[in-house]
Amino acid sequence: MTLDFVPNCPPYPYTTAENSPFTKVSLIERVPHIVTDIINHLHKEILKLDQNSDADSLRIEETKFIISELSKIKHEMTTGKVIPLLEHDSVGDVEEYNNYIKTYFDSQTWLQAPFLLWETYLYRRIKGLFARSKTIASFDYFEELKIKALFQSKTAILKLSKRLVDNLNNCKAQAEAHTNADQLAILNEVAFLEVLHNSLWGNQTDLSMFPDLKAEDLVSMQQKLLSEDANKSSTIHNDSQLIYDYFLNISSNNPNSNITVGIVLDNSGFELFGDLLLATWLIEMNYANKVIFHTKPFPWYVSDVTPNDFSYVINTLANESTFRNSPNSCPAEIDALVSLGSKWQSYVDSKKWVVETDLFWTSPYPTCFLPTKNPKLWNSLCESKLLFFKGDLNYRKLISDLAWPVDTPFKKAIGSLSNPKQNAAPNTDNFPVIVALRTSKADVMVGVDLKIAQQLEDSDPNWRTSGKYGVIQANI
């Protein structure tokens, strides 16, 4: 097995702070702002502790040390220093990271290094600061933000819950009533496409890209999602129909066999909620017997899902008291949400829904290196008929964060994931279909018609990075 390309000799350039204004702003302003937010959060945590308590003294000391180290990282980033190797910690991937840096990007500065490398390295280095402590090794420094964003999404969560329950009940009732087959097919298709698009546009609420996202901005985004057809013109490549047809095909050809679908998750909160709706539809409509959710193993890119986040969201939304006494709450919507939450808990208990995590998802590697770098994980992923990759970072990793020509076919850009004969891991006879659901918040993009891309360049020069435009792409 060989890599798709040598990491320091890619077929197209990486985006860096030297060749991309957006990446430079990310390096100098946006991401340091996130580090500052962690520092401020830690200062607040210190204030909660007893300054005169022996029990709290070590935690205070370790927290102050982490604050000082975070300040050093900010200085490195904004002054163009060489990226240092990671210090040893208990996470288990330091050697992997350091070998990758030494072999392919040795002595590169933050300005010179690929965006994908320095950004993943940053979040991994932050995790290391906590992992080396004795008192706050498991502290989730992004948890408060994720919880806040979930509750700010109440209105959209309730309305979409009611809509999904109504759609499911309607489709099942029409099937039991032996509705005309063509009419039933249209009903099922429209409902599936709706829940798929909800999963896509939930990706707009990415706290690593919009660290100052205000409650009213979040509500505005979600109101657009709730507006019928509001995002059709903003989906600039749309393989929804191909994906639906694929599900019809595998479910009709495998009526008595197990069909597993994987979802490589991105953000917690509202986006995870949309992913849960999609997974519910797949189970309830018999398009899948099992859904595996792939999470990050520790706090990552501010709002990415960890196993704890997954459990928290399900248990919170299943709790009838969560929104019952909220202002302007609709009892029917709350009932729908609680019924879904109860269903989700039963899926987890019965193993219809499974949560898995792996350090590969927080590694610096592009995803095309997965069959080679982590064949055990790849073999496991190949048990799924289809893999959804959610969000901007997963998309960037899928296409190696390279400056491909914008009309490059998605299937070509994801490399060996579409070519089992070239780089297949052992014992993988069937590769899963790869589907990307991404709202664009970085420069790299593939699979977009040249005419559409040019129109966007003329009308909205920041179309690649604004989060206003999305793609649904599959290697079918």
Protein backbone atom coordinates (compact mmCIF):
# COMPACT_ATOMS: atom_id res chain seq x y z
CA MET A 1 0.00 0.00 0.00
CA THR A 2 1.25 3.49 -0.83
CA LEU A 3 0.13 7.02 -0.03
CA ASP A 4 -1.84 8.96 -2.65
CA PHE A 5 0.97 11.51 -2.72
CA VAL A 6 4.01 12.47 -0.67
CA PRO A 7 2.70 15.01 1.87
CA ASN A 8 5.38 17.60 1.10
CA CYS A 9 4.95 17.16 -2.67
CA PRO A 10 1.19 17.37 -3.34
CA PRO A 11 -0.35 17.47 -6.84
CA TYR A 12 -1.74 20.94 -6.09
CA PRO A 13 -0.65 23.55 -3.53
CA TYR A 14 -1.80 23.55 0.07
CA THR A 15 -3.48 26.67 1.33
CA THR A 16 -1.18 28.55 3.72
CA ALA A 17 -1.13 31.94 5.40
CA GLU A 18 1.37 33.01 2.73
CA ASN A 19 -0.86 32.27 -0.28
CA SER A 20 -4.37 32.73 1.14
CA PRO A 21 -5.68 35.96 2.69
CA PHE A 22 -8.43 34.00 4.46
CA THR A 23 -5.90 31.60 6.00
CA LYS A 24 -3.71 34.51 7.08
CA VAL A 25 -6.66 36.18 8.82
CA SER A 26 -7.41 32.83 10.45
CA LEU A 27 -3.82 32.58 11.70
CA ILE A 28 -3.43 36.17 12.88
CA GLU A 29 -6.95 36.97 14.11
CA ARG A 30 -9.68 34.31 14.14
CA VAL A 31 -7.90 31.36 15.73
CA PRO A 32 -5.90 33.42 18.27
CA HIS A 33 -9.27 34.86 19.30
CA ILE A 34 -10.39 31.30 20.10
CA VAL A 35 -7.26 30.77 22.20
CA THR A 36 -8.03 34.02 24.03
CA ASP A 37 -11.54 32.73 24.74
CA ILE A 38 -10.05 29.62 26.36
CA ILE A 39 -7.76 31.82 28.47
CA ASN A 40 -10.69 33.96 29.61
CA HIS A 41 -12.71 30.86 30.40
CA LEU A 42 -9.88 29.47 32.53
CA HIS A 43 -9.61 32.75 34.45
CA LYS A 44 -13.31 32.38 35.31
CA GLU A 45 -12.70 28.80 36.41
CA ILE A 46 -9.99 30.01 38.81
CA LEU A 47 -12.42 32.46 40.38
CA LYS A 48 -14.73 29.55 41.22
CA LEU A 49 -12.00 27.90 43.29
CA ASP A 50 -11.02 28.56 46.90
CA GLN A 51 -7.72 30.43 46.84
CA ASN A 52 -6.97 29.33 50.41
CA SER A 53 -7.85 25.67 49.98
CA ASP A 54 -5.11 23.07 49.80
CA ALA A 55 -7.49 20.91 47.75
CA ASP A 56 -7.81 23.62 45.07
CA SER A 57 -4.25 24.94 45.14
CA LEU A 58 -2.83 22.45 42.62
CA ARG A 59 -5.72 23.04 40.23
CA ILE A 60 -5.20 26.79 40.44
CA GLU A 61 -1.47 26.37 39.85
CA GLU A 62 -1.98 24.06 36.85
CA THR A 63 -4.66 26.31 35.36
CA LYS A 64 -2.38 29.35 35.61
CA PHE A 65 0.40 27.39 33.93
CA ILE A 66 -1.90 26.43 31.04
CA ILE A 67 -2.93 30.08 30.66
CA SER A 68 0.71 31.11 30.34
CA GLU A 69 1.37 28.36 27.78
CA LEU A 70 -1.67 29.40 25.73
CA SER A 71 -0.33 32.95 25.67
CA LYS A 72 2.99 31.62 24.34
CA ILE A 73 1.15 29.77 21.56
CA LYS A 74 -0.66 32.97 20.55
CA HIS A 75 2.68 34.77 20.38
CA GLU A 76 4.16 32.02 18.18
CA MET A 77 1.23 32.16 15.79
CA THR A 78 1.15 35.91 15.34
CA THR A 79 4.92 36.41 15.05
CA GLY A 80 5.70 33.69 12.50
CA LYS A 81 7.74 31.38 14.71
CA VAL A 82 8.75 27.84 13.70
CA ILE A 83 6.18 25.23 14.72
CA PRO A 84 7.74 23.20 17.56
CA LEU A 85 7.23 19.50 18.07
CA LEU A 86 4.58 18.35 20.53
CA GLU A 87 5.62 17.53 24.08
CA HIS A 88 4.92 14.04 25.36
CA ASP A 89 1.52 13.44 26.95
CA SER A 90 -0.90 10.60 27.66
CA VAL A 91 -3.14 10.96 24.58
CA GLY A 92 -1.21 8.43 22.51
CA ASP A 93 -0.39 10.12 19.20
CA VAL A 94 2.52 12.48 19.94
CA GLU A 95 5.05 10.34 18.08
CA GLU A 96 2.73 10.13 15.07
CA TYR A 97 2.33 13.91 14.95
CA ASN A 98 6.01 14.64 15.46
CA ASN A 99 7.16 12.13 12.84
CA TYR A 100 4.75 13.68 10.35
CA ILE A 101 6.06 17.17 11.06
CA LYS A 102 9.75 16.18 11.07
CA THR A 103 9.47 14.10 7.90
CA TYR A 104 7.46 16.47 5.73
CA PHE A 105 7.29 19.95 7.27
CA ASP A 106 10.42 20.28 9.39
CA SER A 107 11.31 23.83 10.53
CA GLN A 108 8.31 25.40 8.83
CA THR A 109 6.78 28.46 10.43
CA TRP A 110 3.12 28.98 11.18
CA LEU A 111 2.99 31.22 8.09
CA GLN A 112 4.57 28.61 5.82
CA ALA A 113 2.86 25.47 7.08
CA PRO A 114 -0.30 24.12 5.42
CA PHE A 115 -3.52 25.44 6.97
CA LEU A 116 -4.66 21.89 7.70
CA LEU A 117 -1.42 21.10 9.54
CA TRP A 118 -1.07 24.16 11.75
CA GLU A 119 -4.75 24.28 12.68
CA THR A 120 -5.01 20.62 13.70
CA TYR A 121 -1.63 20.90 15.43
CA LEU A 122 -2.89 23.86 17.44
CA TYR A 123 -5.94 22.06 18.83
CA ARG A 124 -3.85 18.97 19.52
CA ARG A 125 -1.23 21.03 21.36
CA ILE A 126 -3.94 22.65 23.48
CA LYS A 127 -5.26 19.22 24.41
CA GLY A 128 -1.72 18.23 25.44
CA LEU A 129 -1.53 21.10 27.94
CA PHE A 130 -4.55 19.72 29.75
CA ALA A 131 -3.59 16.06 29.33
CA ARG A 132 -0.29 16.63 31.16
CA SER A 133 -2.07 18.11 34.19
CA LYS A 134 -3.19 16.13 37.23
CA THR A 135 -6.36 18.04 38.08
CA ILE A 136 -7.93 19.11 34.76
CA ALA A 137 -6.81 16.46 32.28
CA SER A 138 -10.39 15.67 31.24
CA PHE A 139 -11.73 19.24 31.38
CA ASP A 140 -13.71 20.23 28.27
CA TYR A 141 -12.74 23.86 27.74
CA PHE A 142 -15.37 24.20 24.98
CA GLU A 143 -18.27 22.54 26.80
CA GLU A 144 -19.93 25.76 27.98
CA LEU A 145 -20.05 27.16 24.43
CA LYS A 146 -21.51 23.95 23.01
CA ILE A 147 -24.25 23.81 25.63
CA LYS A 148 -25.10 27.48 25.15
CA ALA A 149 -25.41 27.04 21.37
CA LEU A 150 -27.71 24.04 21.84
CA PHE A 151 -30.17 25.97 23.99
CA GLN A 152 -30.05 28.99 21.68
CA SER A 153 -31.32 26.67 18.93
CA LYS A 154 -34.52 25.81 20.81
CA THR A 155 -37.00 27.24 18.28
CA ALA A 156 -35.52 25.44 15.27
CA ILE A 157 -35.04 22.20 17.22
CA LEU A 158 -38.68 22.12 18.26
CA LYS A 159 -40.07 22.96 14.83
CA LEU A 160 -37.87 20.44 13.01
CA SER A 161 -38.71 17.74 15.56
CA LYS A 162 -42.42 18.20 14.93
CA ARG A 163 -41.87 18.21 11.18
CA LEU A 164 -39.87 14.98 11.21
CA VAL A 165 -42.41 13.18 13.39
CA ASP A 166 -45.24 14.39 11.13
CA ASN A 167 -43.39 13.27 8.00
CA LEU A 168 -42.62 9.85 9.46
CA ASN A 169 -46.19 9.33 10.59
CA ASN A 170 -47.54 10.48 7.24
CA CYS A 171 -45.26 8.21 5.21
CA LYS A 172 -46.05 5.19 7.39
CA ALA A 173 -49.79 5.91 7.36
CA GLN A 174 -49.83 6.24 3.59
CA ALA A 175 -47.94 2.97 3.24
CA GLU A 176 -50.41 1.17 5.50
CA ALA A 177 -53.30 2.66 3.52
CA HIS A 178 -51.79 1.20 0.32
CA THR A 179 -51.46 4.61 -1.28
CA ASN A 180 -50.57 4.61 -4.96
CA ALA A 181 -46.96 3.45 -5.23
CA ASP A 182 -45.84 6.43 -7.29
CA GLN A 183 -47.40 8.90 -4.88
CA LEU A 184 -45.87 7.13 -1.91
CA ALA A 185 -42.45 7.14 -3.58
CA ILE A 186 -42.67 10.90 -4.14
CA LEU A 187 -43.75 11.46 -0.54
CA ASN A 188 -40.83 9.42 0.80
CA GLU A 189 -38.35 11.07 -1.53
CA VAL A 190 -39.38 14.63 -0.65
CA ALA A 191 -39.20 13.87 3.07
CA PHE A 192 -35.77 12.24 2.74
CA LEU A 193 -34.35 15.15 0.74
CA GLU A 194 -35.66 17.56 3.36
CA VAL A 195 -33.95 15.79 6.25
CA LEU A 196 -30.73 15.48 4.22
CA HIS A 197 -30.69 19.22 3.53
CA ASN A 198 -31.38 19.94 7.20
CA SER A 199 -28.27 17.94 8.05
CA LEU A 200 -26.27 19.96 5.50
CA TRP A 201 -27.35 23.41 6.61
CA GLY A 202 -26.98 22.65 10.29
CA ASN A 203 -23.26 22.82 9.48
CA GLN A 204 -23.47 26.61 9.28
CA THR A 205 -23.41 26.78 13.08
CA ASP A 206 -19.67 26.15 13.42
CA LEU A 207 -18.24 27.89 16.49
CA SER A 208 -14.63 27.53 15.33
CA MET A 209 -15.42 29.60 12.23
CA PHE A 210 -17.80 32.03 13.93
CA PRO A 211 -16.43 32.37 17.49
CA ASP A 212 -18.46 35.55 18.07
CA LEU A 213 -21.72 34.04 16.79
CA LYS A 214 -24.51 35.83 18.62
CA ALA A 215 -27.84 34.29 19.56
CA GLU A 216 -29.70 36.45 17.05
CA ASP A 217 -27.30 35.41 14.26
CA LEU A 218 -27.86 31.75 15.11
CA VAL A 219 -31.62 32.24 15.07
CA SER A 220 -31.40 34.03 11.71
CA MET A 221 -29.47 31.12 10.18
CA GLN A 222 -32.00 28.64 11.47
CA GLN A 223 -34.98 30.69 10.28
CA LYS A 224 -33.58 30.48 6.76
CA LEU A 225 -33.32 26.73 7.17
CA LEU A 226 -36.97 26.56 8.21
CA SER A 227 -38.06 28.56 5.14
CA GLU A 228 -39.14 26.25 2.34
CA ASP A 229 -36.72 26.21 -0.61
CA ALA A 230 -34.61 28.91 1.07
CA ASN A 231 -31.33 27.11 0.48
CA LYS A 232 -31.91 25.57 -2.96
CA SER A 233 -29.94 28.25 -4.80
CA SER A 234 -27.20 28.09 -2.17
CA THR A 235 -26.55 24.38 -2.73
CA ILE A 236 -24.03 24.69 -5.55
CA HIS A 237 -23.52 20.97 -6.11
CA ASN A 238 -26.32 18.63 -5.22
CA ASP A 239 -26.10 14.84 -5.41
CA SER A 240 -29.18 14.37 -3.19
CA GLN A 241 -31.08 12.44 -5.82
CA LEU A 242 -28.19 10.05 -6.41
CA ILE A 243 -27.95 9.42 -2.67
CA TYR A 244 -31.67 8.76 -2.35
CA ASP A 245 -31.60 6.39 -5.31
CA TYR A 246 -28.65 4.58 -3.75
CA PHE A 247 -30.56 4.02 -0.51
CA LEU A 248 -33.54 2.74 -2.47
CA ASN A 249 -31.29 0.35 -4.33
CA ILE A 250 -29.46 -1.11 -1.33
CA SER A 251 -32.63 -1.42 0.76
CA SER A 252 -34.56 -3.18 -2.02
CA ASN A 253 -31.64 -5.47 -2.88
CA ASN A 254 -30.92 -6.35 0.76
CA PRO A 255 -34.37 -6.65 2.37
CA ASN A 256 -33.29 -9.20 4.96
CA SER A 257 -29.69 -8.16 5.56
CA ASN A 258 -28.11 -5.63 7.86
CA ILE A 259 -27.32 -2.25 6.34
CA THR A 260 -24.93 -0.05 8.29
CA VAL A 261 -24.47 3.67 7.64
CA GLY A 262 -21.70 5.77 9.18
CA ILE A 263 -21.76 9.47 9.99
CA VAL A 264 -18.42 11.18 10.62
CA LEU A 265 -19.70 14.00 12.80
CA ASP A 266 -18.70 17.63 12.88
CA ASN A 267 -20.36 20.09 15.27
CA SER A 268 -22.37 19.41 18.39
CA GLY A 269 -25.56 21.28 19.26
CA PHE A 270 -27.88 22.13 16.40
CA GLU A 271 -25.83 20.37 13.72
CA LEU A 272 -25.70 17.14 15.72
CA PHE A 273 -29.46 17.43 16.21
CA GLY A 274 -29.89 17.55 12.42
CA ASP A 275 -27.67 14.49 12.07
CA LEU A 276 -29.82 12.65 14.61
CA LEU A 277 -32.90 13.48 12.53
CA LEU A 278 -31.21 12.04 9.44
CA ALA A 279 -30.21 8.89 11.33
CA THR A 280 -33.76 8.55 12.69
CA TRP A 281 -35.17 8.68 9.18
CA LEU A 282 -32.76 6.02 7.96
CA ILE A 283 -33.72 3.64 10.78
CA GLU A 284 -37.46 4.29 10.78
CA MET A 285 -37.82 4.00 7.00
CA ASN A 286 -35.68 0.83 6.90
CA TYR A 287 -32.88 2.33 4.83
CA ALA A 288 -30.46 1.21 7.55
CA ASN A 289 -30.48 -1.20 10.47
CA LYS A 290 -27.56 0.43 12.22
CA VAL A 291 -25.96 3.88 12.28
CA ILE A 292 -22.43 4.39 13.60
CA PHE A 293 -21.55 7.92 14.72
CA HIS A 294 -17.85 8.76 14.59
CA THR A 295 -16.82 11.46 17.06
CA LYS A 296 -13.64 13.28 18.02
CA PRO A 297 -11.95 11.72 21.08
CA PHE A 298 -11.42 15.05 22.88
CA PRO A 299 -12.38 18.77 22.59
CA TRP A 300 -11.67 19.86 19.03
CA TYR A 301 -12.25 22.92 16.84
CA VAL A 302 -14.48 24.46 19.53
CA SER A 303 -17.78 22.74 18.73
CA ASP A 304 -16.89 19.29 17.38
CA VAL A 305 -18.77 16.34 18.88
CA THR A 306 -17.12 14.19 21.55
CA PRO A 307 -18.72 11.05 23.02
CA ASN A 308 -19.78 13.10 26.05
CA ASP A 309 -21.44 15.70 23.81
CA PHE A 310 -23.37 12.99 22.00
CA SER A 311 -24.77 11.60 25.24
CA TYR A 312 -25.50 15.06 26.62
CA VAL A 313 -27.48 16.18 23.57
CA ILE A 314 -29.62 13.03 23.46
CA ASN A 315 -30.33 12.99 27.19
CA THR A 316 -31.06 16.71 27.30
CA LEU A 317 -33.47 16.64 24.38
CA ALA A 318 -35.18 13.51 25.72
CA ASN A 319 -35.83 15.26 29.03
CA GLU A 320 -39.37 16.64 29.01
CA SER A 321 -38.43 19.48 31.36
CA THR A 322 -35.70 20.88 29.10
CA PHE A 323 -37.99 23.14 27.05
CA ARG A 324 -41.41 22.50 28.61
CA ASN A 325 -41.54 25.77 30.55
CA SER A 326 -39.73 27.89 27.97
CA PRO A 327 -41.51 31.03 26.71
CA ASN A 328 -43.62 30.55 23.57
CA SER A 329 -43.22 26.78 23.69
CA CYS A 330 -45.66 24.72 21.65
CA PRO A 331 -46.79 21.57 23.53
CA ALA A 332 -47.10 19.55 20.32
CA GLU A 333 -43.54 20.43 19.31
CA ILE A 334 -42.19 19.53 22.74
CA ASP A 335 -44.07 16.23 22.68
CA ALA A 336 -42.51 15.47 19.29
CA LEU A 337 -39.01 16.25 20.57
CA VAL A 338 -39.43 14.18 23.73
CA SER A 339 -40.74 11.24 21.70
CA LEU A 340 -37.71 11.48 19.42
CA GLY A 341 -35.37 11.71 22.40
CA SER A 342 -36.90 8.58 23.91
CA LYS A 343 -36.53 6.83 20.56
CA TRP A 344 -32.87 7.88 20.37
CA GLN A 345 -32.17 6.47 23.82
CA SER A 346 -33.74 3.18 22.76
CA TYR A 347 -31.60 3.13 19.60
CA VAL A 348 -28.48 3.51 21.74
CA ASP A 349 -29.61 0.84 24.20
CA SER A 350 -30.40 -1.62 21.39
CA LYS A 351 -27.14 -0.86 19.53
CA LYS A 352 -28.99 0.43 16.48
CA TRP A 353 -26.99 3.57 17.14
CA VAL A 354 -23.35 3.17 18.12
CA VAL A 355 -20.82 5.86 19.01
CA GLU A 356 -17.18 5.26 18.12
CA THR A 357 -14.10 7.44 18.24
CA ASP A 358 -10.52 7.22 17.01
CA LEU A 359 -7.39 9.37 17.16
CA PHE A 360 -7.27 9.43 13.36
CA TRP A 361 -10.06 12.04 13.39
CA THR A 362 -7.77 14.41 15.31
CA SER A 363 -4.62 13.56 13.34
CA PRO A 364 -3.00 15.89 10.78
CA TYR A 365 -3.51 13.40 7.95
CA PRO A 366 -5.76 13.94 4.94
CA THR A 367 -8.46 11.26 4.83
CA CYS A 368 -7.05 9.62 1.71
CA PHE A 369 -4.18 8.37 3.91
CA LEU A 370 -6.64 6.49 6.13
CA PRO A 371 -6.43 3.06 4.40
CA THR A 372 -2.65 3.17 4.77
CA LYS A 373 -2.19 4.92 8.11
CA ASN A 374 -5.02 3.24 9.99
CA PRO A 375 -6.13 0.06 8.17
CA LYS A 376 -7.92 -1.19 11.29
CA LEU A 377 -10.21 1.84 11.33
CA TRP A 378 -10.64 1.71 7.56
CA ASN A 379 -11.66 -1.95 7.69
CA SER A 380 -14.23 -1.02 10.32
CA LEU A 381 -15.54 1.88 8.22
CA CYS A 382 -15.88 -0.44 5.25
CA GLU A 383 -18.60 -2.32 7.13
CA SER A 384 -20.82 0.66 6.29
CA LYS A 385 -22.57 0.84 2.94
CA LEU A 386 -22.32 4.63 3.00
CA LEU A 387 -20.32 7.16 5.02
CA PHE A 388 -21.52 10.72 5.54
CA PHE A 389 -18.66 13.15 6.19
CA LYS A 390 -20.08 16.23 7.87
CA GLY A 391 -18.76 19.75 7.74
CA ASP A 392 -15.92 21.91 6.60
CA LEU A 393 -12.93 20.27 8.27
CA ASN A 394 -13.96 16.77 7.22
CA TYR A 395 -14.41 18.06 3.66
CA ARG A 396 -11.01 19.75 3.67
CA LYS A 397 -9.45 16.50 4.87
CA LEU A 398 -11.33 14.49 2.23
CA ILE A 399 -9.80 16.56 -0.57
CA SER A 400 -6.45 16.92 1.26
CA ASP A 401 -6.99 20.69 1.66
CA LEU A 402 -5.41 21.26 -1.75
CA ALA A 403 -6.11 24.05 -4.21
CA TRP A 404 -7.71 21.74 -6.78
CA PRO A 405 -9.32 23.35 -9.84
CA VAL A 406 -12.85 24.07 -8.67
CA ASP A 407 -14.43 21.76 -11.26
CA THR A 408 -12.29 18.75 -10.29
CA PRO A 409 -14.64 15.78 -9.80
CA PHE A 410 -15.20 14.98 -6.14
CA LYS A 411 -14.43 11.33 -6.84
CA LYS A 412 -10.97 12.26 -8.14
CA ALA A 413 -10.18 14.66 -5.31
CA ILE A 414 -10.80 12.11 -2.55
CA GLY A 415 -8.22 9.80 -4.10
CA SER A 416 -7.81 6.24 -2.88
CA LEU A 417 -11.12 6.31 -0.99
CA SER A 418 -12.70 5.92 -4.43
CA ASN A 419 -10.13 3.48 -5.78
CA PRO A 420 -10.10 0.20 -3.83
CA LYS A 421 -7.78 -1.56 -6.26
CA GLN A 422 -5.06 1.05 -5.83
CA ASN A 423 -4.78 1.45 -2.08
CA ALA A 424 -7.20 -0.97 -0.47
CA ALA A 425 -6.62 -2.01 3.09
CA PRO A 426 -6.60 -5.76 3.74
CA ASN A 427 -9.90 -7.63 3.66
CA THR A 428 -11.95 -4.77 2.19
CA ASP A 429 -13.88 -6.10 -0.77
CA ASN A 430 -16.41 -3.29 -0.83
CA PHE A 431 -15.65 0.35 -0.22
CA PRO A 432 -18.46 2.48 1.21
CA VAL A 433 -20.00 5.29 -0.79
CA ILE A 434 -18.53 8.58 0.44
CA VAL A 435 -20.92 11.53 0.85
CA ALA A 436 -19.83 15.02 1.90
CA LEU A 437 -22.31 17.47 3.44
CA ARG A 438 -20.48 20.78 3.74
CA THR A 439 -21.20 24.48 4.00
CA SER A 440 -18.06 26.12 2.68
CA LYS A 441 -15.96 28.04 5.19
CA ALA A 442 -12.50 27.70 3.62
CA ASP A 443 -10.86 28.31 0.24
CA VAL A 444 -10.70 24.76 -1.11
CA MET A 445 -13.60 23.44 -3.19
CA VAL A 446 -14.17 20.81 -5.87
CA GLY A 447 -17.04 19.51 -7.97
CA VAL A 448 -18.52 22.90 -8.85
CA ASP A 449 -19.43 23.77 -12.43
CA LEU A 450 -17.09 26.43 -13.83
CA LYS A 451 -19.97 28.69 -14.87
CA ILE A 452 -21.48 28.57 -11.39
CA ALA A 453 -18.08 29.23 -9.81
CA GLN A 454 -17.48 32.24 -12.05
CA GLN A 455 -20.92 33.67 -11.31
CA LEU A 456 -20.17 33.36 -7.61
CA GLU A 457 -16.76 34.99 -8.00
CA ASP A 458 -18.43 37.94 -9.74
CA SER A 459 -21.34 38.32 -7.32
CA ASP A 460 -19.79 37.25 -4.01
CA PRO A 461 -15.96 37.13 -3.95
CA ASN A 462 -16.02 35.54 -0.47
CA TRP A 463 -18.35 32.71 -1.48
CA ARG A 464 -15.86 30.00 -0.58
CA THR A 465 -15.39 31.14 3.03
CA SER A 466 -18.67 32.77 4.08
CA GLY A 467 -20.63 29.63 5.02
CA LYS A 468 -23.49 30.76 2.76
CA TYR A 469 -22.98 28.07 0.12
CA GLY A 470 -23.12 24.33 0.52
CA VAL A 471 -22.45 21.12 -1.37
CA ILE A 472 -23.88 17.62 -1.22
CA GLN A 473 -21.32 15.48 -3.04
CA ALA A 474 -21.03 11.72 -3.46
CA ASN A 475 -18.55 9.46 -5.23
CA ILE A 476 -21.37 7.42 -6.78
